[in-house]
Amino acid sequence: MSDLKIGTCSWKYDSWRGLVYTDGPAINYLKEYARIYNTVEADQWFWSLHGIKQNFDAAKKIVSQYKESVPSGFRFSIKLPTVLP
């Protein structure tokens, strides 16, 4: 049963301060989230790529920051938009 992954859809919710996260002034939401859960759905690209040419270099930087925030074995489920011609 060690393959069971439990998480939520996204992780950055101010309303979770004091419940899932500490209540400090500068929170790494993903790092704190990963202390409790072992997977999460990342949906920001789903909402931001519709009809817009994105700067994928910026996305690479974000992905690197995500990788540094979670332990080995943490899993992301990426929600992506449908690519239309």
PDB file of N, CA and C in Angstrom:
ATOM      1  N   MET A   1       0.832  -1.200   0.000  1.00  0.00           N
ATOM      2  CA  MET A   1       0.000   0.000   0.000  1.00  0.00           C
ATOM      3  C   MET A   1       0.866   1.250   0.000  1.00  0.00           C
ATOM      4  N   SER A   2       2.167   1.118  -0.046  1.00  0.00           N
ATOM      5  CA  SER A   2       3.051   2.281   0.004  1.00  0.00           C
ATOM      6  C   SER A   2       2.960   3.149  -1.248  1.00  0.00           C
ATOM      7  N   ASP A   3       2.310   2.651  -2.300  1.00  0.00           N
ATOM      8  CA  ASP A   3       2.155   3.446  -3.519  1.00  0.00           C
ATOM      9  C   ASP A   3       0.978   4.405  -3.451  1.00  0.00           C
ATOM     10  N   LEU A   4       0.236   4.386  -2.374  1.00  0.00           N
ATOM     11  CA  LEU A   4      -0.915   5.264  -2.225  1.00  0.00           C
ATOM     12  C   LEU A   4      -0.446   6.708  -2.112  1.00  0.00           C
ATOM     13  N   LYS A   5      -0.981   7.570  -2.964  1.00  0.00           N
ATOM     14  CA  LYS A   5      -0.650   9.006  -2.952  1.00  0.00           C
ATOM     15  C   LYS A   5      -1.892   9.780  -2.528  1.00  0.00           C
ATOM     16  N   ILE A   6      -1.715  10.688  -1.591  1.00  0.00           N
ATOM     17  CA  ILE A   6      -2.823  11.507  -1.102  1.00  0.00           C
ATOM     18  C   ILE A   6      -2.429  12.968  -1.209  1.00  0.00           C
ATOM     19  N   GLY A   7      -3.302  13.753  -1.834  1.00  0.00           N
ATOM     20  CA  GLY A   7      -3.034  15.171  -1.990  1.00  0.00           C
ATOM     21  C   GLY A   7      -4.307  15.925  -2.319  1.00  0.00           C
ATOM     22  N   THR A   8      -4.119  17.144  -2.788  1.00  0.00           N
ATOM     23  CA  THR A   8      -5.248  18.018  -3.107  1.00  0.00           C
ATOM     24  C   THR A   8      -5.040  18.649  -4.485  1.00  0.00           C
ATOM     25  N   CYS A   9      -6.025  19.399  -4.926  1.00  0.00           N
ATOM     26  CA  CYS A   9      -5.893  20.121  -6.189  1.00  0.00           C
ATOM     27  C   CYS A   9      -5.376  21.529  -5.871  1.00  0.00           C
ATOM     28  N   SER A  10      -4.084  21.699  -6.006  1.00  0.00           N
ATOM     29  CA  SER A  10      -3.368  22.940  -5.714  1.00  0.00           C
ATOM     30  C   SER A  10      -2.942  22.953  -4.246  1.00  0.00           C
ATOM     31  N   TRP A  11      -2.210  23.991  -3.868  1.00  0.00           N
ATOM     32  CA  TRP A  11      -1.671  24.010  -2.503  1.00  0.00           C
ATOM     33  C   TRP A  11      -1.578  25.400  -1.910  1.00  0.00           C
ATOM     34  N   LYS A  12      -1.729  26.439  -2.663  1.00  0.00           N
ATOM     35  CA  LYS A  12      -1.474  27.779  -2.127  1.00  0.00           C
ATOM     36  C   LYS A  12      -2.786  28.457  -1.702  1.00  0.00           C
ATOM     37  N   TYR A  13      -3.153  28.205  -0.484  1.00  0.00           N
ATOM     38  CA  TYR A  13      -4.381  28.776   0.064  1.00  0.00           C
ATOM     39  C   TYR A  13      -4.062  29.488   1.369  1.00  0.00           C
ATOM     40  N   ASP A  14      -4.205  30.779   1.396  1.00  0.00           N
ATOM     41  CA  ASP A  14      -3.962  31.527   2.636  1.00  0.00           C
ATOM     42  C   ASP A  14      -4.863  31.038   3.771  1.00  0.00           C
ATOM     43  N   SER A  15      -6.056  30.561   3.415  1.00  0.00           N
ATOM     44  CA  SER A  15      -6.996  30.104   4.446  1.00  0.00           C
ATOM     45  C   SER A  15      -6.496  28.856   5.174  1.00  0.00           C
ATOM     46  N   TRP A  16      -5.446  28.207   4.669  1.00  0.00           N
ATOM     47  CA  TRP A  16      -4.882  27.024   5.324  1.00  0.00           C
ATOM     48  C   TRP A  16      -3.802  27.380   6.349  1.00  0.00           C
ATOM     49  N   ARG A  17      -3.508  28.678   6.512  1.00  0.00           N
ATOM     50  CA  ARG A  17      -2.528  29.094   7.520  1.00  0.00           C
ATOM     51  C   ARG A  17      -3.031  28.673   8.897  1.00  0.00           C
ATOM     52  N   GLY A  18      -2.125  28.082   9.670  1.00  0.00           N
ATOM     53  CA  GLY A  18      -2.492  27.616  11.002  1.00  0.00           C
ATOM     54  C   GLY A  18      -3.126  26.235  10.993  1.00  0.00           C
ATOM     55  N   LEU A  19      -3.532  25.742   9.833  1.00  0.00           N
ATOM     56  CA  LEU A  19      -4.118  24.411   9.715  1.00  0.00           C
ATOM     57  C   LEU A  19      -3.128  23.461   9.040  1.00  0.00           C
ATOM     58  N   VAL A  20      -2.735  23.799   7.813  1.00  0.00           N
ATOM     59  CA  VAL A  20      -1.743  23.018   7.069  1.00  0.00           C
ATOM     60  C   VAL A  20      -0.384  23.711   7.144  1.00  0.00           C
ATOM     61  N   TYR A  21      -0.405  25.028   7.124  1.00  0.00           N
ATOM     62  CA  TYR A  21       0.825  25.820   7.101  1.00  0.00           C
ATOM     63  C   TYR A  21       1.045  26.522   8.433  1.00  0.00           C
ATOM     64  N   THR A  22       2.298  26.946   8.643  1.00  0.00           N
ATOM     65  CA  THR A  22       2.566  27.811   9.783  1.00  0.00           C
ATOM     66  C   THR A  22       1.917  29.157   9.486  1.00  0.00           C
ATOM     67  N   ASP A  23       1.980  30.047  10.410  1.00  0.00           N
ATOM     68  CA  ASP A  23       1.356  31.358  10.204  1.00  0.00           C
ATOM     69  C   ASP A  23       2.415  32.455  10.133  1.00  0.00           C
ATOM     70  N   GLY A  24       3.591  32.115   9.630  1.00  0.00           N
ATOM     71  CA  GLY A  24       4.675  33.086   9.519  1.00  0.00           C
ATOM     72  C   GLY A  24       4.474  34.047   8.370  1.00  0.00           C
ATOM     73  N   PRO A  25       5.285  35.089   8.303  1.00  0.00           N
ATOM     74  CA  PRO A  25       5.128  36.110   7.258  1.00  0.00           C
ATOM     75  C   PRO A  25       5.552  35.642   5.862  1.00  0.00           C
ATOM     76  N   ALA A  26       6.551  34.785   5.758  1.00  0.00           N
ATOM     77  CA  ALA A  26       7.032  34.309   4.453  1.00  0.00           C
ATOM     78  C   ALA A  26       6.948  32.786   4.434  1.00  0.00           C
ATOM     79  N   ILE A  27       5.932  32.265   3.762  1.00  0.00           N
ATOM     80  CA  ILE A  27       5.698  30.830   3.755  1.00  0.00           C
ATOM     81  C   ILE A  27       6.043  30.260   2.380  1.00  0.00           C
ATOM     82  N   ASN A  28       6.786  29.154   2.373  1.00  0.00           N
ATOM     83  CA  ASN A  28       6.940  28.360   1.160  1.00  0.00           C
ATOM     84  C   ASN A  28       5.799  27.349   1.234  1.00  0.00           C
ATOM     85  N   TYR A  29       4.660  27.713   0.642  1.00  0.00           N
ATOM     86  CA  TYR A  29       3.461  26.894   0.751  1.00  0.00           C
ATOM     87  C   TYR A  29       3.708  25.454   0.309  1.00  0.00           C
ATOM     88  N   LEU A  30       4.394  25.268  -0.811  1.00  0.00           N
ATOM     89  CA  LEU A  30       4.610  23.928  -1.324  1.00  0.00           C
ATOM     90  C   LEU A  30       5.479  23.092  -0.383  1.00  0.00           C
ATOM     91  N   LYS A  31       6.516  23.675   0.152  1.00  0.00           N
ATOM     92  CA  LYS A  31       7.394  22.951   1.080  1.00  0.00           C
ATOM     93  C   LYS A  31       6.619  22.506   2.313  1.00  0.00           C
ATOM     94  N   GLU A  32       5.817  23.377   2.850  1.00  0.00           N
ATOM     95  CA  GLU A  32       5.029  23.030   4.030  1.00  0.00           C
ATOM     96  C   GLU A  32       3.945  22.015   3.688  1.00  0.00           C
ATOM     97  N   TYR A  33       3.327  22.167   2.534  1.00  0.00           N
ATOM     98  CA  TYR A  33       2.315  21.216   2.066  1.00  0.00           C
ATOM     99  C   TYR A  33       2.924  19.812   1.971  1.00  0.00           C
ATOM    100  N   ALA A  34       4.143  19.727   1.407  1.00  0.00           N
ATOM    101  CA  ALA A  34       4.806  18.444   1.171  1.00  0.00           C
ATOM    102  C   ALA A  34       5.214  17.737   2.460  1.00  0.00           C
ATOM    103  N   ARG A  35       5.167  18.418   3.585  1.00  0.00           N
ATOM    104  CA  ARG A  35       5.424  17.753   4.868  1.00  0.00           C
ATOM    105  C   ARG A  35       4.256  16.851   5.254  1.00  0.00           C
ATOM    106  N   ILE A  36       3.074  17.129   4.714  1.00  0.00           N
ATOM    107  CA  ILE A  36       1.859  16.397   5.080  1.00  0.00           C
ATOM    108  C   ILE A  36       1.392  15.476   3.955  1.00  0.00           C
ATOM    109  N   TYR A  37       1.419  15.975   2.732  1.00  0.00           N
ATOM    110  CA  TYR A  37       0.903  15.235   1.574  1.00  0.00           C
ATOM    111  C   TYR A  37       2.046  14.807   0.664  1.00  0.00           C
ATOM    112  N   ASN A  38       1.810  13.767  -0.162  1.00  0.00           N
ATOM    113  CA  ASN A  38       2.864  13.276  -1.041  1.00  0.00           C
ATOM    114  C   ASN A  38       2.565  13.448  -2.526  1.00  0.00           C
ATOM    115  N   THR A  39       1.495  14.177  -2.851  1.00  0.00           N
ATOM    116  CA  THR A  39       1.170  14.483  -4.239  1.00  0.00           C
ATOM    117  C   THR A  39       0.283  15.726  -4.280  1.00  0.00           C
ATOM    118  N   VAL A  40       0.259  16.388  -5.428  1.00  0.00           N
ATOM    119  CA  VAL A  40      -0.600  17.559  -5.605  1.00  0.00           C
ATOM    120  C   VAL A  40      -0.868  17.765  -7.091  1.00  0.00           C
ATOM    121  N   GLU A  41      -1.995  18.341  -7.399  1.00  0.00           N
ATOM    122  CA  GLU A  41      -2.287  18.737  -8.772  1.00  0.00           C
ATOM    123  C   GLU A  41      -1.801  20.173  -8.965  1.00  0.00           C
ATOM    124  N   ALA A  42      -0.966  20.380  -9.972  1.00  0.00           N
ATOM    125  CA  ALA A  42      -0.513  21.731 -10.324  1.00  0.00           C
ATOM    126  C   ALA A  42      -1.370  22.195 -11.489  1.00  0.00           C
ATOM    127  N   ASP A  43      -2.144  23.237 -11.278  1.00  0.00           N
ATOM    128  CA  ASP A  43      -3.092  23.659 -12.313  1.00  0.00           C
ATOM    129  C   ASP A  43      -2.850  25.049 -12.868  1.00  0.00           C
ATOM    130  N   GLN A  44      -1.794  25.731 -12.437  1.00  0.00           N
ATOM    131  CA  GLN A  44      -1.616  27.111 -12.882  1.00  0.00           C
ATOM    132  C   GLN A  44      -1.415  27.231 -14.387  1.00  0.00           C
ATOM    133  N   TRP A  45      -0.798  26.218 -15.011  1.00  0.00           N
ATOM    134  CA  TRP A  45      -0.609  26.293 -16.466  1.00  0.00           C
ATOM    135  C   TRP A  45      -1.915  26.068 -17.202  1.00  0.00           C
ATOM    136  N   PHE A  46      -2.806  25.306 -16.622  1.00  0.00           N
ATOM    137  CA  PHE A  46      -4.118  25.099 -17.226  1.00  0.00           C
ATOM    138  C   PHE A  46      -4.836  26.426 -17.387  1.00  0.00           C
ATOM    139  N   TRP A  47      -4.774  27.251 -16.358  1.00  0.00           N
ATOM    140  CA  TRP A  47      -5.489  28.524 -16.370  1.00  0.00           C
ATOM    141  C   TRP A  47      -4.731  29.620 -17.103  1.00  0.00           C
ATOM    142  N   SER A  48      -3.430  29.497 -17.265  1.00  0.00           N
ATOM    143  CA  SER A  48      -2.664  30.600 -17.842  1.00  0.00           C
ATOM    144  C   SER A  48      -2.258  30.404 -19.295  1.00  0.00           C
ATOM    145  N   LEU A  49      -2.431  29.228 -19.874  1.00  0.00           N
ATOM    146  CA  LEU A  49      -1.965  28.995 -21.235  1.00  0.00           C
ATOM    147  C   LEU A  49      -3.043  29.141 -22.314  1.00  0.00           C
ATOM    148  N   HIS A  50      -4.247  29.436 -21.940  1.00  0.00           N
ATOM    149  CA  HIS A  50      -5.322  29.538 -22.916  1.00  0.00           C
ATOM    150  C   HIS A  50      -5.125  30.730 -23.855  1.00  0.00           C
ATOM    151  N   GLY A  51      -4.764  30.429 -25.097  1.00  0.00           N
ATOM    152  CA  GLY A  51      -4.669  31.453 -26.129  1.00  0.00           C
ATOM    153  C   GLY A  51      -3.531  32.437 -25.995  1.00  0.00           C
ATOM    154  N   ILE A  52      -2.570  32.151 -25.137  1.00  0.00           N
ATOM    155  CA  ILE A  52      -1.483  33.103 -24.909  1.00  0.00           C
ATOM    156  C   ILE A  52      -0.158  32.390 -25.132  1.00  0.00           C
ATOM    157  N   LYS A  53       0.770  33.039 -25.848  1.00  0.00           N
ATOM    158  CA  LYS A  53       2.118  32.479 -25.970  1.00  0.00           C
ATOM    159  C   LYS A  53       2.851  32.788 -24.676  1.00  0.00           C
ATOM    160  N   GLN A  54       3.255  31.724 -24.006  1.00  0.00           N
ATOM    161  CA  GLN A  54       3.892  31.874 -22.704  1.00  0.00           C
ATOM    162  C   GLN A  54       5.408  31.886 -22.824  1.00  0.00           C
ATOM    163  N   ASN A  55       6.044  32.445 -21.833  1.00  0.00           N
ATOM    164  CA  ASN A  55       7.491  32.406 -21.705  1.00  0.00           C
ATOM    165  C   ASN A  55       7.841  31.121 -20.959  1.00  0.00           C
ATOM    166  N   PHE A  56       8.257  30.086 -21.694  1.00  0.00           N
ATOM    167  CA  PHE A  56       8.520  28.801 -21.070  1.00  0.00           C
ATOM    168  C   PHE A  56       9.803  28.798 -20.258  1.00  0.00           C
ATOM    169  N   ASP A  57      10.682  29.768 -20.453  1.00  0.00           N
ATOM    170  CA  ASP A  57      11.851  29.879 -19.586  1.00  0.00           C
ATOM    171  C   ASP A  57      11.416  30.180 -18.159  1.00  0.00           C
ATOM    172  N   ALA A  58      10.399  31.017 -18.024  1.00  0.00           N
ATOM    173  CA  ALA A  58       9.858  31.320 -16.695  1.00  0.00           C
ATOM    174  C   ALA A  58       9.260  30.057 -16.082  1.00  0.00           C
ATOM    175  N   ALA A  59       8.586  29.250 -16.886  1.00  0.00           N
ATOM    176  CA  ALA A  59       8.003  28.003 -16.386  1.00  0.00           C
ATOM    177  C   ALA A  59       9.096  27.047 -15.909  1.00  0.00           C
ATOM    178  N   LYS A  60      10.222  26.992 -16.614  1.00  0.00           N
ATOM    179  CA  LYS A  60      11.335  26.130 -16.199  1.00  0.00           C
ATOM    180  C   LYS A  60      11.850  26.555 -14.821  1.00  0.00           C
ATOM    181  N   LYS A  61      11.923  27.857 -14.583  1.00  0.00           N
ATOM    182  CA  LYS A  61      12.386  28.368 -13.291  1.00  0.00           C
ATOM    183  C   LYS A  61      11.411  27.964 -12.179  1.00  0.00           C
ATOM    184  N   ILE A  62      10.134  28.068 -12.468  1.00  0.00           N
ATOM    185  CA  ILE A  62       9.116  27.692 -11.485  1.00  0.00           C
ATOM    186  C   ILE A  62       9.209  26.203 -11.167  1.00  0.00           C
ATOM    187  N   VAL A  63       9.362  25.383 -12.203  1.00  0.00           N
ATOM    188  CA  VAL A  63       9.472  23.937 -11.990  1.00  0.00           C
ATOM    189  C   VAL A  63      10.699  23.612 -11.141  1.00  0.00           C
ATOM    190  N   SER A  64      11.802  24.306 -11.372  1.00  0.00           N
ATOM    191  CA  SER A  64      13.001  24.098 -10.547  1.00  0.00           C
ATOM    192  C   SER A  64      12.730  24.449  -9.087  1.00  0.00           C
ATOM    193  N   GLN A  65      11.998  25.536  -8.857  1.00  0.00           N
ATOM    194  CA  GLN A  65      11.654  25.923  -7.486  1.00  0.00           C
ATOM    195  C   GLN A  65      10.760  24.869  -6.840  1.00  0.00           C
ATOM    196  N   TYR A  66       9.832  24.314  -7.610  1.00  0.00           N
ATOM    197  CA  TYR A  66       8.966  23.256  -7.081  1.00  0.00           C
ATOM    198  C   TYR A  66       9.805  22.058  -6.667  1.00  0.00           C
ATOM    199  N   LYS A  67      10.720  21.655  -7.526  1.00  0.00           N
ATOM    200  CA  LYS A  67      11.559  20.486  -7.253  1.00  0.00           C
ATOM    201  C   LYS A  67      12.356  20.668  -5.969  1.00  0.00           C
ATOM    202  N   GLU A  68      12.865  21.878  -5.737  1.00  0.00           N
ATOM    203  CA  GLU A  68      13.645  22.166  -4.537  1.00  0.00           C
ATOM    204  C   GLU A  68      12.782  22.186  -3.272  1.00  0.00           C
ATOM    205  N   SER A  69      11.463  22.344  -3.431  1.00  0.00           N
ATOM    206  CA  SER A  69      10.565  22.480  -2.285  1.00  0.00           C
ATOM    207  C   SER A  69      10.002  21.163  -1.770  1.00  0.00           C
ATOM    208  N   VAL A  70      10.154  20.090  -2.547  1.00  0.00           N
ATOM    209  CA  VAL A  70       9.522  18.826  -2.156  1.00  0.00           C
ATOM    210  C   VAL A  70      10.561  17.720  -1.977  1.00  0.00           C
ATOM    211  N   PRO A  71      10.240  16.720  -1.168  1.00  0.00           N
ATOM    212  CA  PRO A  71      11.176  15.610  -0.981  1.00  0.00           C
ATOM    213  C   PRO A  71      11.153  14.652  -2.174  1.00  0.00           C
ATOM    214  N   SER A  72      12.159  13.822  -2.230  1.00  0.00           N
ATOM    215  CA  SER A  72      12.219  12.769  -3.242  1.00  0.00           C
ATOM    216  C   SER A  72      10.980  11.892  -3.109  1.00  0.00           C
ATOM    217  N   GLY A  73      10.401  11.516  -4.224  1.00  0.00           N
ATOM    218  CA  GLY A  73       9.205  10.675  -4.203  1.00  0.00           C
ATOM    219  C   GLY A  73       7.901  11.448  -4.258  1.00  0.00           C
ATOM    220  N   PHE A  74       7.957  12.767  -4.045  1.00  0.00           N
ATOM    221  CA  PHE A  74       6.750  13.585  -4.149  1.00  0.00           C
ATOM    222  C   PHE A  74       6.312  13.585  -5.607  1.00  0.00           C
ATOM    223  N   ARG A  75       5.008  13.549  -5.863  1.00  0.00           N
ATOM    224  CA  ARG A  75       4.491  13.495  -7.232  1.00  0.00           C
ATOM    225  C   ARG A  75       3.570  14.670  -7.524  1.00  0.00           C
ATOM    226  N   PHE A  76       3.736  15.206  -8.739  1.00  0.00           N
ATOM    227  CA  PHE A  76       2.856  16.252  -9.250  1.00  0.00           C
ATOM    228  C   PHE A  76       1.953  15.654 -10.320  1.00  0.00           C
ATOM    229  N   SER A  77       0.719  16.041 -10.319  1.00  0.00           N
ATOM    230  CA  SER A  77      -0.198  15.740 -11.402  1.00  0.00           C
ATOM    231  C   SER A  77      -0.433  17.079 -12.099  1.00  0.00           C
ATOM    232  N   ILE A  78      -0.059  17.167 -13.354  1.00  0.00           N
ATOM    233  CA  ILE A  78      -0.115  18.444 -14.067  1.00  0.00           C
ATOM    234  C   ILE A  78      -1.386  18.522 -14.893  1.00  0.00           C
ATOM    235  N   LYS A  79      -2.172  19.546 -14.653  1.00  0.00           N
ATOM    236  CA  LYS A  79      -3.385  19.789 -15.418  1.00  0.00           C
ATOM    237  C   LYS A  79      -3.034  20.767 -16.540  1.00  0.00           C
ATOM    238  N   LEU A  80      -3.156  20.313 -17.777  1.00  0.00           N
ATOM    239  CA  LEU A  80      -2.800  21.128 -18.926  1.00  0.00           C
ATOM    240  C   LEU A  80      -4.016  21.376 -19.800  1.00  0.00           C
ATOM    241  N   PRO A  81      -4.032  22.495 -20.519  1.00  0.00           N
ATOM    242  CA  PRO A  81      -5.156  22.775 -21.409  1.00  0.00           C
ATOM    243  C   PRO A  81      -5.055  21.925 -22.669  1.00  0.00           C
ATOM    244  N   THR A  82      -6.183  21.764 -23.339  1.00  0.00           N
ATOM    245  CA  THR A  82      -6.188  21.110 -24.635  1.00  0.00           C
ATOM    246  C   THR A  82      -5.499  22.025 -25.630  1.00  0.00           C
ATOM    247  N   VAL A  83      -4.628  21.482 -26.419  1.00  0.00           N
ATOM    248  CA  VAL A  83      -3.918  22.280 -27.433  1.00  0.00           C
ATOM    249  C   VAL A  83      -4.779  22.297 -28.687  1.00  0.00           C
ATOM    250  N   LEU A  84      -5.149  23.470 -29.102  1.00  0.00           N
ATOM    251  CA  LEU A  84      -5.971  23.614 -30.298  1.00  0.00           C
ATOM    252  C   LEU A  84      -5.125  24.136 -31.446  1.00  0.00           C
ATOM    253  N   PRO A  85      -5.434  23.712 -32.684  1.00  0.00           N
ATOM    254  CA  PRO A  85      -4.647  24.183 -33.844  1.00  0.00           C
ATOM    255  C   PRO A  85      -4.774  25.672 -34.059  1.00  0.00           C
TER     256      PRO A  85
END
